[in-house]
Amino acid sequence: MVQLSYTKKSGKMVAMVSVVFIGMGAMLFDTIAYGAASAPNSKVVAATASSAAAVTVPTQSVASGQKTTDTNATGIPQPVSTTCMACHGMTGISPSGSMFPDLAGQWAPYLVKQLNNFRSHTRADPMATAIMWGMAASLTPAQVQQVANYFSTQTPPKAKMVNAKLAAEGKKIYEGGISNLHVPACMACHGPTGLGDPPYFPRLAGQRRAYVELQLHYFKKGLRTNDPHAIMRYVASRLTAPQITELATYVRSLPGGANE
């Protein structure tokens, strides 16, 4: 569970994120994620993750006047080592079974766009309003670029076959689309190996199934609207829940390749 709260320290408001990893059932994300939309401005919000650990880290001060170093002694950007790592891991690999995306190897231009969309509230899906709006609010443009550059250079997640039968069905849609519903092949934008095409089309290869499934449901329900020309809303609206699961399963098995 992720808890986001605000405390006053030395006259400045500081955001605190507490991450308590608990088991996640296959259908639990639907209740948690969509329920969060009802109170996006609450000071304490929750989203599901995995495993059995607890992390509490302070974000940067909300006050713009406080100076902080941008990187630590190892060259890791300060926001990564104090905030991002709680949910996404220090090298961009999220905790096993979590709802949070792996950021390692993701295109820097895509990450910059998403972080800026969080900051401008252009991306307003339930998890964005509950968690990322607060996390991205205090980032400067330079820090946004630093964070994006850092995660883009990390080793991407490895492909994993979760369910061969589901992946085989997902592959048909990914590579061939659904002609009678006018659904284009996913590979047209994301590439045959899921490498993506920045800044609009992210790397999908090896991405966590639960996260991909959740985002497709957000697009399908119109809860996420920062896709170019509404293309993802168009595609997702024509997919059934089982087809979304099949696609997410196949995406997890894609090798991707190097970001060249």
C-alpha atoms as a PDB file:
ATOM      1  CA  MET A   1       0.000   0.000   0.000  1.00  0.00           C
ATOM      2  CA  VAL A   2       1.232   3.497  -0.801  1.00  0.00           C
ATOM      3  CA  GLN A   3       0.376   6.289   1.585  1.00  0.00           C
ATOM      4  CA  LEU A   4       1.015   9.884   0.604  1.00  0.00           C
ATOM      5  CA  SER A   5       0.816  12.470   3.366  1.00  0.00           C
ATOM      6  CA  TYR A   6       2.041  15.970   4.024  1.00  0.00           C
ATOM      7  CA  THR A   7       3.782  17.220   7.153  1.00  0.00           C
ATOM      8  CA  LYS A   8       5.115  20.621   8.118  1.00  0.00           C
ATOM      9  CA  LYS A   9       8.840  20.813   8.837  1.00  0.00           C
ATOM     10  CA  SER A  10      10.679  24.042   9.569  1.00  0.00           C
ATOM     11  CA  GLY A  11       7.762  26.007   8.203  1.00  0.00           C
ATOM     12  CA  LYS A  12       7.725  24.108   4.886  1.00  0.00           C
ATOM     13  CA  MET A  13       5.297  21.484   3.639  1.00  0.00           C
ATOM     14  CA  VAL A  14       7.052  18.207   2.845  1.00  0.00           C
ATOM     15  CA  ALA A  15       5.398  15.282   1.100  1.00  0.00           C
ATOM     16  CA  MET A  16       5.992  11.853   2.611  1.00  0.00           C
ATOM     17  CA  VAL A  17       5.386   8.597   0.801  1.00  0.00           C
ATOM     18  CA  SER A  18       5.102   5.374   2.765  1.00  0.00           C
ATOM     19  CA  VAL A  19       5.140   2.157   0.795  1.00  0.00           C
ATOM     20  CA  VAL A  20       3.909  -1.003   2.482  1.00  0.00           C
ATOM     21  CA  PHE A  21       4.008  -3.957   0.143  1.00  0.00           C
ATOM     22  CA  ILE A  22       1.166  -6.412   0.566  1.00  0.00           C
ATOM     23  CA  GLY A  23      -0.081  -9.331  -1.536  1.00  0.00           C
ATOM     24  CA  MET A  24      -2.063  -8.414  -4.615  1.00  0.00           C
ATOM     25  CA  GLY A  25      -4.885 -10.596  -5.901  1.00  0.00           C
ATOM     26  CA  ALA A  26      -5.476 -10.860  -9.620  1.00  0.00           C
ATOM     27  CA  MET A  27      -8.613  -8.714  -9.569  1.00  0.00           C
ATOM     28  CA  LEU A  28      -7.761  -6.434  -6.661  1.00  0.00           C
ATOM     29  CA  PHE A  29      -6.352  -3.674  -8.860  1.00  0.00           C
ATOM     30  CA  ASP A  30      -9.801  -2.948 -10.278  1.00  0.00           C
ATOM     31  CA  THR A  31     -11.270  -2.014  -6.907  1.00  0.00           C
ATOM     32  CA  ILE A  32      -8.213  -0.159  -5.629  1.00  0.00           C
ATOM     33  CA  ALA A  33      -7.369   1.821  -8.742  1.00  0.00           C
ATOM     34  CA  TYR A  34     -10.829   2.951  -9.710  1.00  0.00           C
ATOM     35  CA  GLY A  35     -11.795   3.638  -6.122  1.00  0.00           C
ATOM     36  CA  ALA A  36      -8.928   6.089  -5.820  1.00  0.00           C
ATOM     37  CA  ALA A  37     -10.591   8.369  -8.368  1.00  0.00           C
ATOM     38  CA  SER A  38     -13.296   9.318  -5.923  1.00  0.00           C
ATOM     39  CA  ALA A  39     -10.928  11.261  -3.700  1.00  0.00           C
ATOM     40  CA  PRO A  40      -7.914  12.390  -5.761  1.00  0.00           C
ATOM     41  CA  ASN A  41      -7.175  15.322  -3.478  1.00  0.00           C
ATOM     42  CA  SER A  42      -7.134  13.367  -0.240  1.00  0.00           C
ATOM     43  CA  LYS A  43      -3.986  13.798   1.829  1.00  0.00           C
ATOM     44  CA  VAL A  44      -3.746  10.070   2.361  1.00  0.00           C
ATOM     45  CA  VAL A  45      -4.330   7.768  -0.578  1.00  0.00           C
ATOM     46  CA  ALA A  46      -3.690   4.099  -1.216  1.00  0.00           C
ATOM     47  CA  ALA A  47      -2.718   1.887  -4.145  1.00  0.00           C
ATOM     48  CA  THR A  48      -1.751  -1.749  -4.234  1.00  0.00           C
ATOM     49  CA  ALA A  49       1.754  -3.180  -4.556  1.00  0.00           C
ATOM     50  CA  SER A  50       3.423  -6.461  -3.540  1.00  0.00           C
ATOM     51  CA  SER A  51       5.744  -8.437  -1.232  1.00  0.00           C
ATOM     52  CA  ALA A  52       6.404  -7.656   2.440  1.00  0.00           C
ATOM     53  CA  ALA A  53       8.469  -4.562   3.131  1.00  0.00           C
ATOM     54  CA  ALA A  54       7.915  -0.981   4.217  1.00  0.00           C
ATOM     55  CA  VAL A  55       9.696   2.125   3.006  1.00  0.00           C
ATOM     56  CA  THR A  56       9.177   5.741   4.038  1.00  0.00           C
ATOM     57  CA  VAL A  57      11.050   8.469   2.206  1.00  0.00           C
ATOM     58  CA  PRO A  58      10.660  12.250   2.108  1.00  0.00           C
ATOM     59  CA  THR A  59      10.233  13.977  -1.221  1.00  0.00           C
ATOM     60  CA  GLN A  60      11.764  17.345  -1.944  1.00  0.00           C
ATOM     61  CA  SER A  61      10.338  20.275  -0.081  1.00  0.00           C
ATOM     62  CA  VAL A  62       7.324  21.805  -1.754  1.00  0.00           C
ATOM     63  CA  ALA A  63       8.876  25.186  -1.120  1.00  0.00           C
ATOM     64  CA  SER A  64      10.890  26.256  -4.147  1.00  0.00           C
ATOM     65  CA  GLY A  65      13.421  28.216  -2.151  1.00  0.00           C
ATOM     66  CA  GLN A  66      15.121  25.218  -0.559  1.00  0.00           C
ATOM     67  CA  LYS A  67      18.297  24.207  -2.363  1.00  0.00           C
ATOM     68  CA  THR A  68      19.189  20.535  -2.727  1.00  0.00           C
ATOM     69  CA  THR A  69      21.906  18.700  -4.629  1.00  0.00           C
ATOM     70  CA  ASP A  70      20.657  17.129  -7.836  1.00  0.00           C
ATOM     71  CA  THR A  71      22.730  13.941  -7.564  1.00  0.00           C
ATOM     72  CA  ASN A  72      24.264  11.898  -4.772  1.00  0.00           C
ATOM     73  CA  ALA A  73      27.830  10.625  -4.521  1.00  0.00           C
ATOM     74  CA  THR A  74      27.124   7.749  -6.916  1.00  0.00           C
ATOM     75  CA  GLY A  75      25.651   9.988  -9.592  1.00  0.00           C
ATOM     76  CA  ILE A  76      22.051   8.941  -8.972  1.00  0.00           C
ATOM     77  CA  PRO A  77      19.647  11.894  -9.310  1.00  0.00           C
ATOM     78  CA  GLN A  78      18.439  13.097  -5.915  1.00  0.00           C
ATOM     79  CA  PRO A  79      14.718  12.566  -6.667  1.00  0.00           C
ATOM     80  CA  VAL A  80      15.443   8.943  -7.607  1.00  0.00           C
ATOM     81  CA  SER A  81      17.353   8.146  -4.420  1.00  0.00           C
ATOM     82  CA  THR A  82      14.863   9.878  -2.112  1.00  0.00           C
ATOM     83  CA  THR A  83      11.497   9.313  -3.776  1.00  0.00           C
ATOM     84  CA  CYS A  84      11.250   7.339  -7.033  1.00  0.00           C
ATOM     85  CA  MET A  85      13.061   4.301  -5.649  1.00  0.00           C
ATOM     86  CA  ALA A  86      10.299   3.635  -3.115  1.00  0.00           C
ATOM     87  CA  CYS A  87       7.947   2.397  -5.842  1.00  0.00           C
ATOM     88  CA  HIS A  88      10.110   1.946  -8.936  1.00  0.00           C
ATOM     89  CA  GLY A  89      13.340   0.635  -7.419  1.00  0.00           C
ATOM     90  CA  MET A  90      16.731   2.322  -7.490  1.00  0.00           C
ATOM     91  CA  THR A  91      17.474   0.930 -10.950  1.00  0.00           C
ATOM     92  CA  GLY A  92      13.943   1.255 -12.324  1.00  0.00           C
ATOM     93  CA  ILE A  93      12.794  -2.306 -11.610  1.00  0.00           C
ATOM     94  CA  SER A  94       9.697  -2.260  -9.409  1.00  0.00           C
ATOM     95  CA  PRO A  95       9.137  -4.762  -6.587  1.00  0.00           C
ATOM     96  CA  SER A  96       7.954  -8.157  -7.767  1.00  0.00           C
ATOM     97  CA  GLY A  97       4.200  -8.299  -8.310  1.00  0.00           C
ATOM     98  CA  SER A  98       3.670  -4.565  -7.857  1.00  0.00           C
ATOM     99  CA  MET A  99       1.284  -2.244  -9.665  1.00  0.00           C
ATOM    100  CA  PHE A 100       4.075   0.194 -10.454  1.00  0.00           C
ATOM    101  CA  PRO A 101       5.729   0.159 -13.892  1.00  0.00           C
ATOM    102  CA  ASP A 102       9.340  -0.749 -14.511  1.00  0.00           C
ATOM    103  CA  LEU A 103      11.057   2.416 -15.727  1.00  0.00           C
ATOM    104  CA  ALA A 104      14.425   0.860 -16.553  1.00  0.00           C
ATOM    105  CA  GLY A 105      15.284   1.232 -20.222  1.00  0.00           C
ATOM    106  CA  GLN A 106      12.216   3.354 -20.952  1.00  0.00           C
ATOM    107  CA  TRP A 107      12.763   6.114 -23.491  1.00  0.00           C
ATOM    108  CA  ALA A 108      13.828   9.391 -21.876  1.00  0.00           C
ATOM    109  CA  PRO A 109      11.545  11.541 -24.104  1.00  0.00           C
ATOM    110  CA  TYR A 110       8.546   9.416 -23.089  1.00  0.00           C
ATOM    111  CA  LEU A 111       9.409   9.694 -19.388  1.00  0.00           C
ATOM    112  CA  VAL A 112       9.830  13.467 -19.723  1.00  0.00           C
ATOM    113  CA  LYS A 113       6.400  13.708 -21.339  1.00  0.00           C
ATOM    114  CA  GLN A 114       4.731  11.647 -18.624  1.00  0.00           C
ATOM    115  CA  LEU A 115       6.390  13.537 -15.772  1.00  0.00           C
ATOM    116  CA  ASN A 116       5.396  16.842 -17.343  1.00  0.00           C
ATOM    117  CA  ASN A 117       1.851  15.528 -17.821  1.00  0.00           C
ATOM    118  CA  PHE A 118       1.747  14.651 -14.115  1.00  0.00           C
ATOM    119  CA  ARG A 119       3.015  18.121 -13.222  1.00  0.00           C
ATOM    120  CA  SER A 120       0.447  19.836 -15.449  1.00  0.00           C
ATOM    121  CA  HIS A 121      -2.319  17.388 -14.432  1.00  0.00           C
ATOM    122  CA  THR A 122      -2.776  16.470 -18.100  1.00  0.00           C
ATOM    123  CA  ARG A 123      -2.457  12.827 -17.089  1.00  0.00           C
ATOM    124  CA  ALA A 124      -5.239  12.369 -14.567  1.00  0.00           C
ATOM    125  CA  ASP A 125      -5.915   8.652 -14.215  1.00  0.00           C
ATOM    126  CA  PRO A 126      -6.612   7.446 -10.653  1.00  0.00           C
ATOM    127  CA  MET A 127      -3.040   6.380  -9.875  1.00  0.00           C
ATOM    128  CA  ALA A 128      -1.745   9.642 -11.316  1.00  0.00           C
ATOM    129  CA  THR A 129      -3.978  11.842  -9.182  1.00  0.00           C
ATOM    130  CA  ALA A 130      -3.440   9.699  -6.091  1.00  0.00           C
ATOM    131  CA  ILE A 131       0.337   9.356  -6.287  1.00  0.00           C
ATOM    132  CA  MET A 132       2.216  10.904  -9.188  1.00  0.00           C
ATOM    133  CA  TRP A 133       0.756  14.402  -9.074  1.00  0.00           C
ATOM    134  CA  GLY A 134       2.245  14.827  -5.627  1.00  0.00           C
ATOM    135  CA  MET A 135       5.508  13.086  -6.481  1.00  0.00           C
ATOM    136  CA  ALA A 136       6.161  15.165  -9.608  1.00  0.00           C
ATOM    137  CA  ALA A 137       4.924  18.516  -8.273  1.00  0.00           C
ATOM    138  CA  SER A 138       8.235  19.678  -6.829  1.00  0.00           C
ATOM    139  CA  LEU A 139      10.467  18.539  -9.696  1.00  0.00           C
ATOM    140  CA  THR A 140      12.197  21.247 -11.683  1.00  0.00           C
ATOM    141  CA  PRO A 141      12.460  20.892 -15.471  1.00  0.00           C
ATOM    142  CA  ALA A 142      16.141  20.027 -15.037  1.00  0.00           C
ATOM    143  CA  GLN A 143      15.316  17.304 -12.527  1.00  0.00           C
ATOM    144  CA  VAL A 144      12.634  15.878 -14.815  1.00  0.00           C
ATOM    145  CA  GLN A 145      15.278  15.493 -17.519  1.00  0.00           C
ATOM    146  CA  GLN A 146      17.817  14.044 -15.080  1.00  0.00           C
ATOM    147  CA  VAL A 147      15.373  11.436 -13.793  1.00  0.00           C
ATOM    148  CA  ALA A 148      14.329  10.488 -17.332  1.00  0.00           C
ATOM    149  CA  ASN A 149      17.915  10.223 -18.532  1.00  0.00           C
ATOM    150  CA  TYR A 150      18.892   8.114 -15.532  1.00  0.00           C
ATOM    151  CA  PHE A 151      16.119   5.541 -15.860  1.00  0.00           C
ATOM    152  CA  SER A 152      16.502   5.340 -19.651  1.00  0.00           C
ATOM    153  CA  THR A 153      20.102   4.142 -19.245  1.00  0.00           C
ATOM    154  CA  GLN A 154      19.277   1.351 -16.783  1.00  0.00           C
ATOM    155  CA  THR A 155      19.090  -2.280 -17.901  1.00  0.00           C
ATOM    156  CA  PRO A 156      15.534  -2.959 -19.172  1.00  0.00           C
ATOM    157  CA  PRO A 157      13.348  -5.614 -17.533  1.00  0.00           C
ATOM    158  CA  LYS A 158      13.769  -9.139 -18.844  1.00  0.00           C
ATOM    159  CA  ALA A 159      11.041 -10.797 -20.844  1.00  0.00           C
ATOM    160  CA  LYS A 160       8.947 -13.249 -18.847  1.00  0.00           C
ATOM    161  CA  MET A 161       6.430 -15.797 -20.064  1.00  0.00           C
ATOM    162  CA  VAL A 162       3.624 -15.720 -17.511  1.00  0.00           C
ATOM    163  CA  ASN A 163       1.026 -17.766 -19.393  1.00  0.00           C
ATOM    164  CA  ALA A 164       1.820 -19.198 -22.824  1.00  0.00           C
ATOM    165  CA  LYS A 165      -1.823 -19.695 -23.827  1.00  0.00           C
ATOM    166  CA  LEU A 166      -2.828 -16.122 -23.008  1.00  0.00           C
ATOM    167  CA  ALA A 167       0.337 -14.759 -24.624  1.00  0.00           C
ATOM    168  CA  ALA A 168      -0.406 -16.643 -27.853  1.00  0.00           C
ATOM    169  CA  GLU A 169      -3.820 -14.967 -28.088  1.00  0.00           C
ATOM    170  CA  GLY A 170      -2.332 -11.596 -27.208  1.00  0.00           C
ATOM    171  CA  LYS A 171       0.280 -12.003 -29.927  1.00  0.00           C
ATOM    172  CA  LYS A 172      -2.457 -12.284 -32.564  1.00  0.00           C
ATOM    173  CA  ILE A 173      -3.841  -8.879 -31.558  1.00  0.00           C
ATOM    174  CA  TYR A 174      -0.425  -7.289 -31.052  1.00  0.00           C
ATOM    175  CA  GLU A 175       0.821  -8.324 -34.486  1.00  0.00           C
ATOM    176  CA  GLY A 176      -2.391  -8.410 -36.503  1.00  0.00           C
ATOM    177  CA  GLY A 177      -4.951  -6.224 -34.751  1.00  0.00           C
ATOM    178  CA  ILE A 178      -8.668  -7.052 -34.985  1.00  0.00           C
ATOM    179  CA  SER A 179      -9.776  -6.265 -38.526  1.00  0.00           C
ATOM    180  CA  ASN A 180     -13.530  -6.541 -38.058  1.00  0.00           C
ATOM    181  CA  LEU A 181     -13.374  -4.023 -35.204  1.00  0.00           C
ATOM    182  CA  HIS A 182     -10.893  -1.762 -37.011  1.00  0.00           C
ATOM    183  CA  VAL A 183      -8.314  -2.249 -34.257  1.00  0.00           C
ATOM    184  CA  PRO A 184      -4.798  -1.687 -35.621  1.00  0.00           C
ATOM    185  CA  ALA A 185      -1.883  -3.928 -34.718  1.00  0.00           C
ATOM    186  CA  CYS A 186      -0.095  -2.733 -31.584  1.00  0.00           C
ATOM    187  CA  MET A 187       3.241  -3.306 -33.293  1.00  0.00           C
ATOM    188  CA  ALA A 188       2.448  -0.515 -35.745  1.00  0.00           C
ATOM    189  CA  CYS A 189       3.314   2.002 -33.023  1.00  0.00           C
ATOM    190  CA  HIS A 190       5.165  -0.015 -30.391  1.00  0.00           C
ATOM    191  CA  GLY A 191       7.284  -2.108 -32.750  1.00  0.00           C
ATOM    192  CA  PRO A 192       7.411  -5.876 -33.353  1.00  0.00           C
ATOM    193  CA  THR A 193       9.551  -6.444 -30.251  1.00  0.00           C
ATOM    194  CA  GLY A 194       7.892  -3.805 -28.080  1.00  0.00           C
ATOM    195  CA  LEU A 195      10.745  -1.338 -28.328  1.00  0.00           C
ATOM    196  CA  GLY A 196       8.411   1.647 -28.790  1.00  0.00           C
ATOM    197  CA  ASP A 197       8.859   4.972 -30.557  1.00  0.00           C
ATOM    198  CA  PRO A 198       9.403   8.063 -28.360  1.00  0.00           C
ATOM    199  CA  PRO A 199       8.077  10.401 -27.208  1.00  0.00           C
ATOM    200  CA  TYR A 200       4.514   9.139 -27.652  1.00  0.00           C
ATOM    201  CA  PHE A 201       4.810   5.373 -27.832  1.00  0.00           C
ATOM    202  CA  PRO A 202       6.589   3.785 -24.860  1.00  0.00           C
ATOM    203  CA  ARG A 203       8.736   0.716 -24.692  1.00  0.00           C
ATOM    204  CA  LEU A 204       6.390  -2.126 -23.714  1.00  0.00           C
ATOM    205  CA  ALA A 205       8.786  -5.061 -23.810  1.00  0.00           C
ATOM    206  CA  GLY A 206       8.950  -6.872 -20.484  1.00  0.00           C
ATOM    207  CA  GLN A 207       6.619  -4.388 -18.773  1.00  0.00           C
ATOM    208  CA  ARG A 208       4.661  -5.701 -15.801  1.00  0.00           C
ATOM    209  CA  ARG A 209       1.429  -7.358 -16.846  1.00  0.00           C
ATOM    210  CA  ALA A 210      -0.637  -5.853 -14.021  1.00  0.00           C
ATOM    211  CA  TYR A 211       0.464  -2.317 -14.941  1.00  0.00           C
ATOM    212  CA  VAL A 212      -0.216  -2.722 -18.673  1.00  0.00           C
ATOM    213  CA  GLU A 213      -3.598  -4.261 -17.918  1.00  0.00           C
ATOM    214  CA  LEU A 214      -4.479  -1.433 -15.555  1.00  0.00           C
ATOM    215  CA  GLN A 215      -3.502   1.291 -18.032  1.00  0.00           C
ATOM    216  CA  LEU A 216      -5.498  -0.327 -20.835  1.00  0.00           C
ATOM    217  CA  HIS A 217      -8.548  -0.356 -18.568  1.00  0.00           C
ATOM    218  CA  TYR A 218      -7.924   3.322 -17.771  1.00  0.00           C
ATOM    219  CA  PHE A 219      -7.837   4.124 -21.496  1.00  0.00           C
ATOM    220  CA  LYS A 220     -10.906   1.969 -22.121  1.00  0.00           C
ATOM    221  CA  LYS A 221     -12.923   3.804 -19.461  1.00  0.00           C
ATOM    222  CA  GLY A 222     -11.624   7.227 -20.486  1.00  0.00           C
ATOM    223  CA  LEU A 223      -9.827   7.693 -17.185  1.00  0.00           C
ATOM    224  CA  ARG A 224      -6.485   8.305 -18.882  1.00  0.00           C
ATOM    225  CA  THR A 225      -6.569  10.869 -21.662  1.00  0.00           C
ATOM    226  CA  ASN A 226      -2.981  11.922 -22.386  1.00  0.00           C
ATOM    227  CA  ASP A 227      -2.633   9.673 -25.429  1.00  0.00           C
ATOM    228  CA  PRO A 228      -1.909  11.420 -28.764  1.00  0.00           C
ATOM    229  CA  HIS A 229      -5.033  11.824 -30.914  1.00  0.00           C
ATOM    230  CA  ALA A 230      -6.913   9.580 -28.442  1.00  0.00           C
ATOM    231  CA  ILE A 231      -5.444   6.548 -30.196  1.00  0.00           C
ATOM    232  CA  MET A 232      -5.163   4.411 -27.071  1.00  0.00           C
ATOM    233  CA  ARG A 233      -8.705   5.253 -25.998  1.00  0.00           C
ATOM    234  CA  TYR A 234      -9.921   4.232 -29.443  1.00  0.00           C
ATOM    235  CA  VAL A 235      -8.052   0.921 -29.365  1.00  0.00           C
ATOM    236  CA  ALA A 236      -8.785   0.017 -25.749  1.00  0.00           C
ATOM    237  CA  SER A 237     -12.483   0.825 -26.068  1.00  0.00           C
ATOM    238  CA  ARG A 238     -12.775  -1.961 -28.614  1.00  0.00           C
ATOM    239  CA  LEU A 239     -11.026  -4.586 -26.503  1.00  0.00           C
ATOM    240  CA  THR A 240     -12.755  -6.936 -24.097  1.00  0.00           C
ATOM    241  CA  ALA A 241     -11.374  -7.514 -20.611  1.00  0.00           C
ATOM    242  CA  PRO A 242     -10.005 -10.962 -21.600  1.00  0.00           C
ATOM    243  CA  GLN A 243      -8.307  -9.459 -24.661  1.00  0.00           C
ATOM    244  CA  ILE A 244      -6.682  -6.810 -22.486  1.00  0.00           C
ATOM    245  CA  THR A 245      -5.318  -9.549 -20.226  1.00  0.00           C
ATOM    246  CA  GLU A 246      -4.028 -11.459 -23.249  1.00  0.00           C
ATOM    247  CA  LEU A 247      -2.257  -8.397 -24.634  1.00  0.00           C
ATOM    248  CA  ALA A 248      -0.700  -7.536 -21.281  1.00  0.00           C
ATOM    249  CA  THR A 249       0.515 -11.111 -20.945  1.00  0.00           C
ATOM    250  CA  TYR A 250       2.101 -11.057 -24.384  1.00  0.00           C
ATOM    251  CA  VAL A 251       3.766  -7.696 -23.783  1.00  0.00           C
ATOM    252  CA  ARG A 252       5.422  -9.128 -20.659  1.00  0.00           C
ATOM    253  CA  SER A 253       7.040 -11.802 -22.843  1.00  0.00           C
ATOM    254  CA  LEU A 254       8.517  -9.428 -25.430  1.00  0.00           C
ATOM    255  CA  PRO A 255      12.340  -9.128 -25.533  1.00  0.00           C
ATOM    256  CA  GLY A 256      12.486  -5.514 -26.712  1.00  0.00           C
ATOM    257  CA  GLY A 257      16.141  -5.017 -27.457  1.00  0.00           C
ATOM    258  CA  ALA A 258      18.439  -2.060 -26.910  1.00  0.00           C
ATOM    259  CA  ASN A 259      17.182   1.521 -27.059  1.00  0.00           C
ATOM    260  CA  GLU A 260      19.075   2.716 -30.100  1.00  0.00           C
END
